[in-house]
């Protein structure tokens, strides 16, 4: 319970950094779902097979860009948290405890 509280207070203190991350993550998942749903629509397949094929191809493009974008944002967040994680290490937390805080 201690690690969960610690993680939540860190998110609240660094809200200016985490809020855009959460918004972009939600937008990325939403965009993937929309493209995937449109690609699997039976009405689209009946009208135009090439449009359905392009939407299915678009799913893979969205996946590639989403993974690259989310990994870039995650590395940016971890660079900003470097001092915080170092402080936990100095205070005597083991790596598994720090990983629990990162997980939460």
PDB file of N, CA and C in Angstrom:
ATOM      1  N   UNK A   1       0.814  -1.188   0.000  1.00  0.00           N
ATOM      2  CA  UNK A   1       0.000   0.000   0.000  1.00  0.00           C
ATOM      3  C   UNK A   1       0.864   1.261   0.000  1.00  0.00           C
ATOM      4  N   UNK A   2       2.008   1.177   0.633  1.00  0.00           N
ATOM      5  CA  UNK A   2       2.927   2.310   0.701  1.00  0.00           C
ATOM      6  C   UNK A   2       3.395   2.712  -0.690  1.00  0.00           C
ATOM      7  N   UNK A   3       3.717   1.719  -1.522  1.00  0.00           N
ATOM      8  CA  UNK A   3       4.231   2.006  -2.855  1.00  0.00           C
ATOM      9  C   UNK A   3       3.148   2.620  -3.746  1.00  0.00           C
ATOM     10  N   UNK A   4       1.932   2.183  -3.565  1.00  0.00           N
ATOM     11  CA  UNK A   4       0.830   2.755  -4.333  1.00  0.00           C
ATOM     12  C   UNK A   4       0.615   4.225  -3.968  1.00  0.00           C
ATOM     13  N   UNK A   5       0.652   4.530  -2.680  1.00  0.00           N
ATOM     14  CA  UNK A   5       0.510   5.918  -2.250  1.00  0.00           C
ATOM     15  C   UNK A   5       1.666   6.770  -2.756  1.00  0.00           C
ATOM     16  N   UNK A   6       2.869   6.219  -2.715  1.00  0.00           N
ATOM     17  CA  UNK A   6       4.038   6.941  -3.198  1.00  0.00           C
ATOM     18  C   UNK A   6       3.922   7.226  -4.694  1.00  0.00           C
ATOM     19  N   UNK A   7       3.455   6.238  -5.445  1.00  0.00           N
ATOM     20  CA  UNK A   7       3.294   6.411  -6.888  1.00  0.00           C
ATOM     21  C   UNK A   7       2.219   7.458  -7.190  1.00  0.00           C
ATOM     22  N   UNK A   8       1.113   7.434  -6.458  1.00  0.00           N
ATOM     23  CA  UNK A   8       0.044   8.401  -6.701  1.00  0.00           C
ATOM     24  C   UNK A   8       0.467   9.824  -6.362  1.00  0.00           C
ATOM     25  N   UNK A   9       1.217   9.999  -5.273  1.00  0.00           N
ATOM     26  CA  UNK A   9       1.679  11.351  -4.949  1.00  0.00           C
ATOM     27  C   UNK A   9       2.660  11.858  -5.995  1.00  0.00           C
ATOM     28  N   UNK A  10       3.476  10.979  -6.545  1.00  0.00           N
ATOM     29  CA  UNK A  10       4.405  11.394  -7.603  1.00  0.00           C
ATOM     30  C   UNK A  10       3.666  11.799  -8.873  1.00  0.00           C
ATOM     31  N   UNK A  11       2.598  11.081  -9.186  1.00  0.00           N
ATOM     32  CA  UNK A  11       1.804  11.433 -10.368  1.00  0.00           C
ATOM     33  C   UNK A  11       1.120  12.779 -10.152  1.00  0.00           C
ATOM     34  N   UNK A  12       0.617  13.004  -8.945  1.00  0.00           N
ATOM     35  CA  UNK A  12      -0.032  14.291  -8.665  1.00  0.00           C
ATOM     36  C   UNK A  12       0.959  15.442  -8.742  1.00  0.00           C
ATOM     37  N   UNK A  13       2.164  15.244  -8.218  1.00  0.00           N
ATOM     38  CA  UNK A  13       3.165  16.312  -8.246  1.00  0.00           C
ATOM     39  C   UNK A  13       3.666  16.595  -9.655  1.00  0.00           C
ATOM     40  N   UNK A  14       3.738  15.574 -10.478  1.00  0.00           N
ATOM     41  CA  UNK A  14       4.236  15.726 -11.850  1.00  0.00           C
ATOM     42  C   UNK A  14       3.094  15.670 -12.856  1.00  0.00           C
ATOM     43  N   UNK A  15       1.969  16.228 -12.512  1.00  0.00           N
ATOM     44  CA  UNK A  15       0.792  16.193 -13.372  1.00  0.00           C
ATOM     45  C   UNK A  15       0.992  16.885 -14.707  1.00  0.00           C
ATOM     46  N   UNK A  16       1.834  17.915 -14.734  1.00  0.00           N
ATOM     47  CA  UNK A  16       2.084  18.631 -15.987  1.00  0.00           C
ATOM     48  C   UNK A  16       2.775  17.739 -17.017  1.00  0.00           C
ATOM     49  N   UNK A  17       3.490  16.751 -16.534  1.00  0.00           N
ATOM     50  CA  UNK A  17       4.183  15.833 -17.437  1.00  0.00           C
ATOM     51  C   UNK A  17       3.302  14.635 -17.779  1.00  0.00           C
ATOM     52  N   UNK A  18       2.596  14.106 -16.798  1.00  0.00           N
ATOM     53  CA  UNK A  18       1.819  12.887 -17.004  1.00  0.00           C
ATOM     54  C   UNK A  18       0.506  13.124 -17.734  1.00  0.00           C
ATOM     55  N   UNK A  19      -0.091  14.285 -17.570  1.00  0.00           N
ATOM     56  CA  UNK A  19      -1.368  14.551 -18.228  1.00  0.00           C
ATOM     57  C   UNK A  19      -1.266  14.456 -19.753  1.00  0.00           C
ATOM     58  N   UNK A  20      -0.283  15.106 -20.399  1.00  0.00           N
ATOM     59  CA  UNK A  20      -0.163  14.932 -21.858  1.00  0.00           C
ATOM     60  C   UNK A  20       0.136  13.485 -22.257  1.00  0.00           C
ATOM     61  N   UNK A  21       0.898  12.767 -21.426  1.00  0.00           N
ATOM     62  CA  UNK A  21       1.188  11.360 -21.722  1.00  0.00           C
ATOM     63  C   UNK A  21      -0.090  10.536 -21.718  1.00  0.00           C
ATOM     64  N   UNK A  22      -0.930  10.739 -20.723  1.00  0.00           N
ATOM     65  CA  UNK A  22      -2.181   9.991 -20.644  1.00  0.00           C
ATOM     66  C   UNK A  22      -3.120  10.352 -21.791  1.00  0.00           C
ATOM     67  N   UNK A  23      -3.174  11.625 -22.139  1.00  0.00           N
ATOM     68  CA  UNK A  23      -4.038  12.060 -23.236  1.00  0.00           C
ATOM     69  C   UNK A  23      -3.569  11.447 -24.560  1.00  0.00           C
ATOM     70  N   UNK A  24      -2.276  11.477 -24.829  1.00  0.00           N
ATOM     71  CA  UNK A  24      -1.780  10.909 -26.085  1.00  0.00           C
ATOM     72  C   UNK A  24      -1.943   9.394 -26.114  1.00  0.00           C
ATOM     73  N   UNK A  25      -1.806   8.739 -24.984  1.00  0.00           N
ATOM     74  CA  UNK A  25      -2.018   7.295 -24.937  1.00  0.00           C
ATOM     75  C   UNK A  25      -3.472   6.947 -25.234  1.00  0.00           C
ATOM     76  N   UNK A  26      -4.382   7.696 -24.644  1.00  0.00           N
ATOM     77  CA  UNK A  26      -5.809   7.469 -24.898  1.00  0.00           C
ATOM     78  C   UNK A  26      -6.139   7.745 -26.357  1.00  0.00           C
ATOM     79  N   UNK A  27      -5.598   8.822 -26.905  1.00  0.00           N
ATOM     80  CA  UNK A  27      -5.846   9.154 -28.304  1.00  0.00           C
ATOM     81  C   UNK A  27      -5.289   8.079 -29.239  1.00  0.00           C
ATOM     82  N   UNK A  28      -4.129   7.535 -28.928  1.00  0.00           N
ATOM     83  CA  UNK A  28      -3.518   6.506 -29.761  1.00  0.00           C
ATOM     84  C   UNK A  28      -4.358   5.240 -29.771  1.00  0.00           C
ATOM     85  N   UNK A  29      -4.830   4.831 -28.607  1.00  0.00           N
ATOM     86  CA  UNK A  29      -5.674   3.640 -28.533  1.00  0.00           C
ATOM     87  C   UNK A  29      -6.998   3.881 -29.258  1.00  0.00           C
ATOM     88  N   UNK A  30      -7.555   5.075 -29.111  1.00  0.00           N
ATOM     89  CA  UNK A  30      -8.802   5.420 -29.778  1.00  0.00           C
ATOM     90  C   UNK A  30      -8.634   5.389 -31.301  1.00  0.00           C
ATOM     91  N   UNK A  31      -7.524   5.929 -31.794  1.00  0.00           N
ATOM     92  CA  UNK A  31      -7.275   5.946 -33.227  1.00  0.00           C
ATOM     93  C   UNK A  31      -7.108   4.522 -33.760  1.00  0.00           C
ATOM     94  N   UNK A  32      -6.387   3.683 -33.018  1.00  0.00           N
ATOM     95  CA  UNK A  32      -6.210   2.291 -33.433  1.00  0.00           C
ATOM     96  C   UNK A  32      -7.559   1.577 -33.488  1.00  0.00           C
ATOM     97  N   UNK A  33      -8.396   1.781 -32.475  1.00  0.00           N
ATOM     98  CA  UNK A  33      -9.693   1.112 -32.441  1.00  0.00           C
ATOM     99  C   UNK A  33     -10.566   1.557 -33.609  1.00  0.00           C
ATOM    100  N   UNK A  34     -10.573   2.836 -33.913  1.00  0.00           N
ATOM    101  CA  UNK A  34     -11.398   3.335 -35.023  1.00  0.00           C
ATOM    102  C   UNK A  34     -10.967   2.735 -36.354  1.00  0.00           C
ATOM    103  N   UNK A  35      -9.673   2.715 -36.603  1.00  0.00           N
ATOM    104  CA  UNK A  35      -9.178   2.167 -37.869  1.00  0.00           C
ATOM    105  C   UNK A  35      -9.439   0.663 -37.929  1.00  0.00           C
ATOM    106  N   UNK A  36      -9.233  -0.034 -36.828  1.00  0.00           N
ATOM    107  CA  UNK A  36      -9.471  -1.480 -36.795  1.00  0.00           C
ATOM    108  C   UNK A  36     -10.950  -1.801 -36.995  1.00  0.00           C
ATOM    109  N   UNK A  37     -11.821  -1.025 -36.369  1.00  0.00           N
ATOM    110  CA  UNK A  37     -13.257  -1.236 -36.505  1.00  0.00           C
ATOM    111  C   UNK A  37     -13.712  -0.975 -37.932  1.00  0.00           C
ATOM    112  N   UNK A  38     -13.228   0.105 -38.546  1.00  0.00           N
ATOM    113  CA  UNK A  38     -13.619   0.405 -39.923  1.00  0.00           C
ATOM    114  C   UNK A  38     -13.079  -0.635 -40.904  1.00  0.00           C
ATOM    115  N   UNK A  39     -11.910  -1.180 -40.634  1.00  0.00           N
ATOM    116  CA  UNK A  39     -11.332  -2.193 -41.514  1.00  0.00           C
ATOM    117  C   UNK A  39     -12.088  -3.509 -41.466  1.00  0.00           C
ATOM    118  N   UNK A  40     -12.704  -3.812 -40.334  1.00  0.00           N
ATOM    119  CA  UNK A  40     -13.432  -5.064 -40.198  1.00  0.00           C
ATOM    120  C   UNK A  40     -14.917  -4.953 -40.461  1.00  0.00           C
ATOM    121  N   UNK A  41     -15.393  -3.797 -40.912  1.00  0.00           N
ATOM    122  CA  UNK A  41     -16.806  -3.580 -41.157  1.00  0.00           C
ATOM    123  C   UNK A  41     -17.246  -4.361 -42.391  1.00  0.00           C
ATOM    124  N   UNK A  42     -18.326  -5.130 -42.250  1.00  0.00           N
ATOM    125  CA  UNK A  42     -18.820  -5.942 -43.376  1.00  0.00           C
ATOM    126  C   UNK A  42     -19.418  -5.078 -44.476  1.00  0.00           C
ATOM    127  N   UNK A  43     -20.021  -3.961 -44.122  1.00  0.00           N
ATOM    128  CA  UNK A  43     -20.590  -3.070 -45.136  1.00  0.00           C
ATOM    129  C   UNK A  43     -19.521  -2.490 -46.037  1.00  0.00           C
ATOM    130  N   UNK A  44     -18.375  -2.187 -45.473  1.00  0.00           N
ATOM    131  CA  UNK A  44     -17.268  -1.656 -46.268  1.00  0.00           C
ATOM    132  C   UNK A  44     -16.710  -2.730 -47.188  1.00  0.00           C
ATOM    133  N   UNK A  45     -16.683  -3.955 -46.717  1.00  0.00           N
ATOM    134  CA  UNK A  45     -16.156  -5.046 -47.561  1.00  0.00           C
ATOM    135  C   UNK A  45     -17.083  -5.346 -48.736  1.00  0.00           C
ATOM    136  N   UNK A  46     -18.386  -5.211 -48.508  1.00  0.00           N
ATOM    137  CA  UNK A  46     -19.333  -5.478 -49.602  1.00  0.00           C
ATOM    138  C   UNK A  46     -19.235  -4.415 -50.688  1.00  0.00           C
ATOM    139  N   UNK A  47     -19.089  -3.152 -50.271  1.00  0.00           N
ATOM    140  CA  UNK A  47     -19.053  -2.058 -51.241  1.00  0.00           C
ATOM    141  C   UNK A  47     -17.737  -1.993 -51.992  1.00  0.00           C
ATOM    142  N   UNK A  48     -16.648  -2.068 -51.261  1.00  0.00           N
ATOM    143  CA  UNK A  48     -15.352  -1.895 -51.903  1.00  0.00           C
ATOM    144  C   UNK A  48     -14.313  -2.736 -51.170  1.00  0.00           C
ATOM    145  N   UNK A  49     -13.850  -3.757 -51.835  1.00  0.00           N
ATOM    146  CA  UNK A  49     -12.837  -4.632 -51.233  1.00  0.00           C
ATOM    147  C   UNK A  49     -11.505  -3.915 -51.077  1.00  0.00           C
ATOM    148  N   UNK A  50     -11.189  -3.014 -52.012  1.00  0.00           N
ATOM    149  CA  UNK A  50      -9.910  -2.303 -51.934  1.00  0.00           C
ATOM    150  C   UNK A  50      -9.888  -1.326 -50.761  1.00  0.00           C
ATOM    151  N   UNK A  51     -11.032  -0.712 -50.442  1.00  0.00           N
ATOM    152  CA  UNK A  51     -11.086   0.198 -49.298  1.00  0.00           C
ATOM    153  C   UNK A  51     -10.887  -0.573 -47.990  1.00  0.00           C
ATOM    154  N   UNK A  52     -11.476  -1.750 -47.897  1.00  0.00           N
ATOM    155  CA  UNK A  52     -11.302  -2.581 -46.702  1.00  0.00           C
ATOM    156  C   UNK A  52      -9.848  -3.024 -46.565  1.00  0.00           C
ATOM    157  N   UNK A  53      -9.222  -3.342 -47.698  1.00  0.00           N
ATOM    158  CA  UNK A  53      -7.824  -3.751 -47.669  1.00  0.00           C
ATOM    159  C   UNK A  53      -6.929  -2.585 -47.245  1.00  0.00           C
ATOM    160  N   UNK A  54      -7.242  -1.384 -47.703  1.00  0.00           N
ATOM    161  CA  UNK A  54      -6.457  -0.211 -47.308  1.00  0.00           C
ATOM    162  C   UNK A  54      -6.631   0.089 -45.822  1.00  0.00           C
ATOM    163  N   UNK A  55      -7.829  -0.119 -45.299  1.00  0.00           N
ATOM    164  CA  UNK A  55      -8.055   0.099 -43.864  1.00  0.00           C
ATOM    165  C   UNK A  55      -7.284  -0.922 -43.041  1.00  0.00           C
ATOM    166  N   UNK A  56      -7.246  -2.164 -43.506  1.00  0.00           N
ATOM    167  CA  UNK A  56      -6.459  -3.178 -42.804  1.00  0.00           C
ATOM    168  C   UNK A  56      -4.976  -2.865 -42.868  1.00  0.00           C
ATOM    169  N   UNK A  57      -4.518  -2.326 -43.972  1.00  0.00           N
ATOM    170  CA  UNK A  57      -3.131  -1.881 -44.076  1.00  0.00           C
ATOM    171  C   UNK A  57      -2.889  -0.686 -43.153  1.00  0.00           C
ATOM    172  N   UNK A  58      -3.885   0.171 -43.048  1.00  0.00           N
ATOM    173  CA  UNK A  58      -3.796   1.321 -42.152  1.00  0.00           C
ATOM    174  C   UNK A  58      -3.654   0.914 -40.694  1.00  0.00           C
ATOM    175  N   UNK A  59      -4.214  -0.224 -40.325  1.00  0.00           N
ATOM    176  CA  UNK A  59      -4.075  -0.728 -38.953  1.00  0.00           C
ATOM    177  C   UNK A  59      -2.609  -0.962 -38.634  1.00  0.00           C
ATOM    178  N   UNK A  60      -1.889  -1.567 -39.556  1.00  0.00           N
ATOM    179  CA  UNK A  60      -0.463  -1.839 -39.324  1.00  0.00           C
ATOM    180  C   UNK A  60       0.352  -0.549 -39.270  1.00  0.00           C
ATOM    181  N   UNK A  61      -0.014   0.413 -40.095  1.00  0.00           N
ATOM    182  CA  UNK A  61       0.680   1.704 -40.069  1.00  0.00           C
ATOM    183  C   UNK A  61       0.439   2.397 -38.732  1.00  0.00           C
ATOM    184  N   UNK A  62      -0.793   2.356 -38.254  1.00  0.00           N
ATOM    185  CA  UNK A  62      -1.115   2.970 -36.968  1.00  0.00           C
ATOM    186  C   UNK A  62      -0.367   2.269 -35.840  1.00  0.00           C
ATOM    187  N   UNK A  63      -0.269   0.952 -35.901  1.00  0.00           N
ATOM    188  CA  UNK A  63       0.465   0.205 -34.876  1.00  0.00           C
ATOM    189  C   UNK A  63       1.928   0.627 -34.844  1.00  0.00           C
ATOM    190  N   UNK A  64       2.551   0.721 -36.006  1.00  0.00           N
ATOM    191  CA  UNK A  64       3.970   1.077 -36.068  1.00  0.00           C
ATOM    192  C   UNK A  64       4.199   2.480 -35.511  1.00  0.00           C
ATOM    193  N   UNK A  65       3.404   3.448 -35.959  1.00  0.00           N
ATOM    194  CA  UNK A  65       3.568   4.812 -35.467  1.00  0.00           C
ATOM    195  C   UNK A  65       3.235   4.923 -33.980  1.00  0.00           C
ATOM    196  N   UNK A  66       2.248   4.175 -33.539  1.00  0.00           N
ATOM    197  CA  UNK A  66       1.862   4.225 -32.127  1.00  0.00           C
ATOM    198  C   UNK A  66       2.967   3.689 -31.237  1.00  0.00           C
ATOM    199  N   UNK A  67       3.557   2.583 -31.625  1.00  0.00           N
ATOM    200  CA  UNK A  67       4.636   1.997 -30.823  1.00  0.00           C
ATOM    201  C   UNK A  67       5.826   2.950 -30.760  1.00  0.00           C
ATOM    202  N   UNK A  68       6.203   3.510 -31.889  1.00  0.00           N
ATOM    203  CA  UNK A  68       7.333   4.448 -31.917  1.00  0.00           C
ATOM    204  C   UNK A  68       7.031   5.667 -31.059  1.00  0.00           C
ATOM    205  N   UNK A  69       5.840   6.218 -31.197  1.00  0.00           N
ATOM    206  CA  UNK A  69       5.461   7.411 -30.463  1.00  0.00           C
ATOM    207  C   UNK A  69       5.392   7.146 -28.962  1.00  0.00           C
ATOM    208  N   UNK A  70       4.778   6.048 -28.562  1.00  0.00           N
ATOM    209  CA  UNK A  70       4.654   5.746 -27.134  1.00  0.00           C
ATOM    210  C   UNK A  70       6.006   5.403 -26.504  1.00  0.00           C
ATOM    211  N   UNK A  71       6.888   4.746 -27.228  1.00  0.00           N
ATOM    212  CA  UNK A  71       8.223   4.475 -26.693  1.00  0.00           C
ATOM    213  C   UNK A  71       9.021   5.767 -26.528  1.00  0.00           C
ATOM    214  N   UNK A  72       8.864   6.699 -27.462  1.00  0.00           N
ATOM    215  CA  UNK A  72       9.551   7.989 -27.355  1.00  0.00           C
ATOM    216  C   UNK A  72       9.045   8.763 -26.141  1.00  0.00           C
ATOM    217  N   UNK A  73       7.750   8.796 -25.954  1.00  0.00           N
ATOM    218  CA  UNK A  73       7.179   9.516 -24.808  1.00  0.00           C
ATOM    219  C   UNK A  73       7.594   8.853 -23.500  1.00  0.00           C
ATOM    220  N   UNK A  74       7.615   7.521 -23.483  1.00  0.00           N
ATOM    221  CA  UNK A  74       8.017   6.806 -22.273  1.00  0.00           C
ATOM    222  C   UNK A  74       9.477   7.095 -21.922  1.00  0.00           C
ATOM    223  N   UNK A  75      10.350   7.153 -22.913  1.00  0.00           N
ATOM    224  CA  UNK A  75      11.752   7.469 -22.628  1.00  0.00           C
ATOM    225  C   UNK A  75      11.896   8.901 -22.115  1.00  0.00           C
ATOM    226  N   UNK A  76      11.089   9.819 -22.626  1.00  0.00           N
ATOM    227  CA  UNK A  76      11.098  11.197 -22.143  1.00  0.00           C
ATOM    228  C   UNK A  76      10.669  11.245 -20.683  1.00  0.00           C
ATOM    229  N   UNK A  77       9.628  10.504 -20.331  1.00  0.00           N
ATOM    230  CA  UNK A  77       9.171  10.474 -18.939  1.00  0.00           C
ATOM    231  C   UNK A  77      10.217   9.866 -18.011  1.00  0.00           C
ATOM    232  N   UNK A  78      10.877   8.820 -18.457  1.00  0.00           N
ATOM    233  CA  UNK A  78      11.882   8.177 -17.612  1.00  0.00           C
ATOM    234  C   UNK A  78      13.100   9.085 -17.415  1.00  0.00           C
ATOM    235  N   UNK A  79      13.432   9.901 -18.413  1.00  0.00           N
ATOM    236  CA  UNK A  79      14.524  10.854 -18.241  1.00  0.00           C
ATOM    237  C   UNK A  79      14.169  11.896 -17.189  1.00  0.00           C
ATOM    238  N   UNK A  80      12.912  12.316 -17.174  1.00  0.00           N
ATOM    239  CA  UNK A  80      12.482  13.294 -16.182  1.00  0.00           C
ATOM    240  C   UNK A  80      12.409  12.692 -14.781  1.00  0.00           C
ATOM    241  N   UNK A  81      12.191  11.409 -14.689  1.00  0.00           N
ATOM    242  CA  UNK A  81      12.072  10.749 -13.388  1.00  0.00           C
ATOM    243  C   UNK A  81      13.405  10.219 -12.875  1.00  0.00           C
ATOM    244  N   UNK A  82      14.478  10.451 -13.599  1.00  0.00           N
ATOM    245  CA  UNK A  82      15.786   9.912 -13.228  1.00  0.00           C
ATOM    246  C   UNK A  82      16.209  10.364 -11.828  1.00  0.00           C
ATOM    247  N   UNK A  83      16.011  11.639 -11.505  1.00  0.00           N
ATOM    248  CA  UNK A  83      16.386  12.152 -10.188  1.00  0.00           C
ATOM    249  C   UNK A  83      15.537  11.518  -9.093  1.00  0.00           C
ATOM    250  N   UNK A  84      14.267  11.370  -9.358  1.00  0.00           N
ATOM    251  CA  UNK A  84      13.365  10.762  -8.384  1.00  0.00           C
ATOM    252  C   UNK A  84      13.756   9.308  -8.095  1.00  0.00           C
ATOM    253  N   UNK A  85      14.065   8.561  -9.130  1.00  0.00           N
ATOM    254  CA  UNK A  85      14.454   7.158  -8.954  1.00  0.00           C
ATOM    255  C   UNK A  85      15.812   7.056  -8.256  1.00  0.00           C
ATOM    256  N   UNK A  86      16.708   7.984  -8.546  1.00  0.00           N
ATOM    257  CA  UNK A  86      17.996   8.019  -7.852  1.00  0.00           C
ATOM    258  C   UNK A  86      17.821   8.309  -6.370  1.00  0.00           C
ATOM    259  N   UNK A  87      16.895   9.185  -6.030  1.00  0.00           N
ATOM    260  CA  UNK A  87      16.605   9.483  -4.633  1.00  0.00           C
ATOM    261  C   UNK A  87      16.077   8.250  -3.907  1.00  0.00           C
ATOM    262  N   UNK A  88      15.225   7.488  -4.565  1.00  0.00           N
ATOM    263  CA  UNK A  88      14.726   6.248  -3.961  1.00  0.00           C
ATOM    264  C   UNK A  88      15.878   5.282  -3.704  1.00  0.00           C
ATOM    265  N   UNK A  89      16.809   5.230  -4.640  1.00  0.00           N
ATOM    266  CA  UNK A  89      17.961   4.340  -4.493  1.00  0.00           C
ATOM    267  C   UNK A  89      18.835   4.782  -3.323  1.00  0.00           C
ATOM    268  N   UNK A  90      19.050   6.082  -3.187  1.00  0.00           N
ATOM    269  CA  UNK A  90      19.856   6.605  -2.081  1.00  0.00           C
ATOM    270  C   UNK A  90      19.180   6.346  -0.743  1.00  0.00           C
ATOM    271  N   UNK A  91      17.843   6.437  -0.721  1.00  0.00           N
ATOM    272  CA  UNK A  91      17.100   6.212   0.514  1.00  0.00           C
ATOM    273  C   UNK A  91      17.072   4.738   0.936  1.00  0.00           C
ATOM    274  N   UNK A  92      17.576   3.870   0.094  1.00  0.00           N
ATOM    275  CA  UNK A  92      17.716   2.470   0.479  1.00  0.00           C
ATOM    276  C   UNK A  92      16.711   1.521  -0.138  1.00  0.00           C
ATOM    277  N   UNK A  93      15.927   1.974  -1.078  1.00  0.00           N
ATOM    278  CA  UNK A  93      14.985   1.068  -1.729  1.00  0.00           C
ATOM    279  C   UNK A  93      15.730   0.159  -2.681  1.00  0.00           C
ATOM    280  N   UNK A  94      15.295  -1.088  -2.717  1.00  0.00           N
ATOM    281  CA  UNK A  94      15.881  -2.039  -3.659  1.00  0.00           C
ATOM    282  C   UNK A  94      15.243  -1.846  -5.026  1.00  0.00           C
ATOM    283  N   UNK A  95      15.849  -2.471  -6.019  1.00  0.00           N
ATOM    284  CA  UNK A  95      15.352  -2.315  -7.383  1.00  0.00           C
ATOM    285  C   UNK A  95      13.933  -2.838  -7.527  1.00  0.00           C
ATOM    286  N   UNK A  96      13.602  -3.896  -6.818  1.00  0.00           N
ATOM    287  CA  UNK A  96      12.253  -4.443  -6.950  1.00  0.00           C
ATOM    288  C   UNK A  96      11.209  -3.484  -6.381  1.00  0.00           C
ATOM    289  N   UNK A  97      11.571  -2.723  -5.344  1.00  0.00           N
ATOM    290  CA  UNK A  97      10.644  -1.750  -4.790  1.00  0.00           C
ATOM    291  C   UNK A  97      10.449  -0.569  -5.746  1.00  0.00           C
ATOM    292  N   UNK A  98      11.539  -0.154  -6.370  1.00  0.00           N
ATOM    293  CA  UNK A  98      11.450   0.933  -7.351  1.00  0.00           C
ATOM    294  C   UNK A  98      10.612   0.474  -8.549  1.00  0.00           C
ATOM    295  N   UNK A  99      10.772  -0.783  -8.959  1.00  0.00           N
ATOM    296  CA  UNK A  99       9.979  -1.317 -10.058  1.00  0.00           C
ATOM    297  C   UNK A  99       8.503  -1.370  -9.699  1.00  0.00           C
ATOM    298  N   UNK A 100       8.168  -1.642  -8.452  1.00  0.00           N
ATOM    299  CA  UNK A 100       6.784  -1.619  -8.022  1.00  0.00           C
ATOM    300  C   UNK A 100       6.199  -0.215  -8.136  1.00  0.00           C
ATOM    301  N   UNK A 101       6.974   0.776  -7.756  1.00  0.00           N
ATOM    302  CA  UNK A 101       6.502   2.168  -7.866  1.00  0.00           C
ATOM    303  C   UNK A 101       6.301   2.533  -9.320  1.00  0.00           C
ATOM    304  N   UNK A 102       7.215   2.145 -10.183  1.00  0.00           N
ATOM    305  CA  UNK A 102       7.074   2.418 -11.616  1.00  0.00           C
ATOM    306  C   UNK A 102       5.864   1.686 -12.174  1.00  0.00           C
ATOM    307  N   UNK A 103       5.631   0.467 -11.718  1.00  0.00           N
ATOM    308  CA  UNK A 103       4.476  -0.320 -12.183  1.00  0.00           C
ATOM    309  C   UNK A 103       3.164   0.367 -11.814  1.00  0.00           C
ATOM    310  N   UNK A 104       3.083   0.845 -10.570  1.00  0.00           N
ATOM    311  CA  UNK A 104       1.841   1.513 -10.137  1.00  0.00           C
ATOM    312  C   UNK A 104       1.705   2.850 -10.837  1.00  0.00           C
TER     313      UNK A 104
END
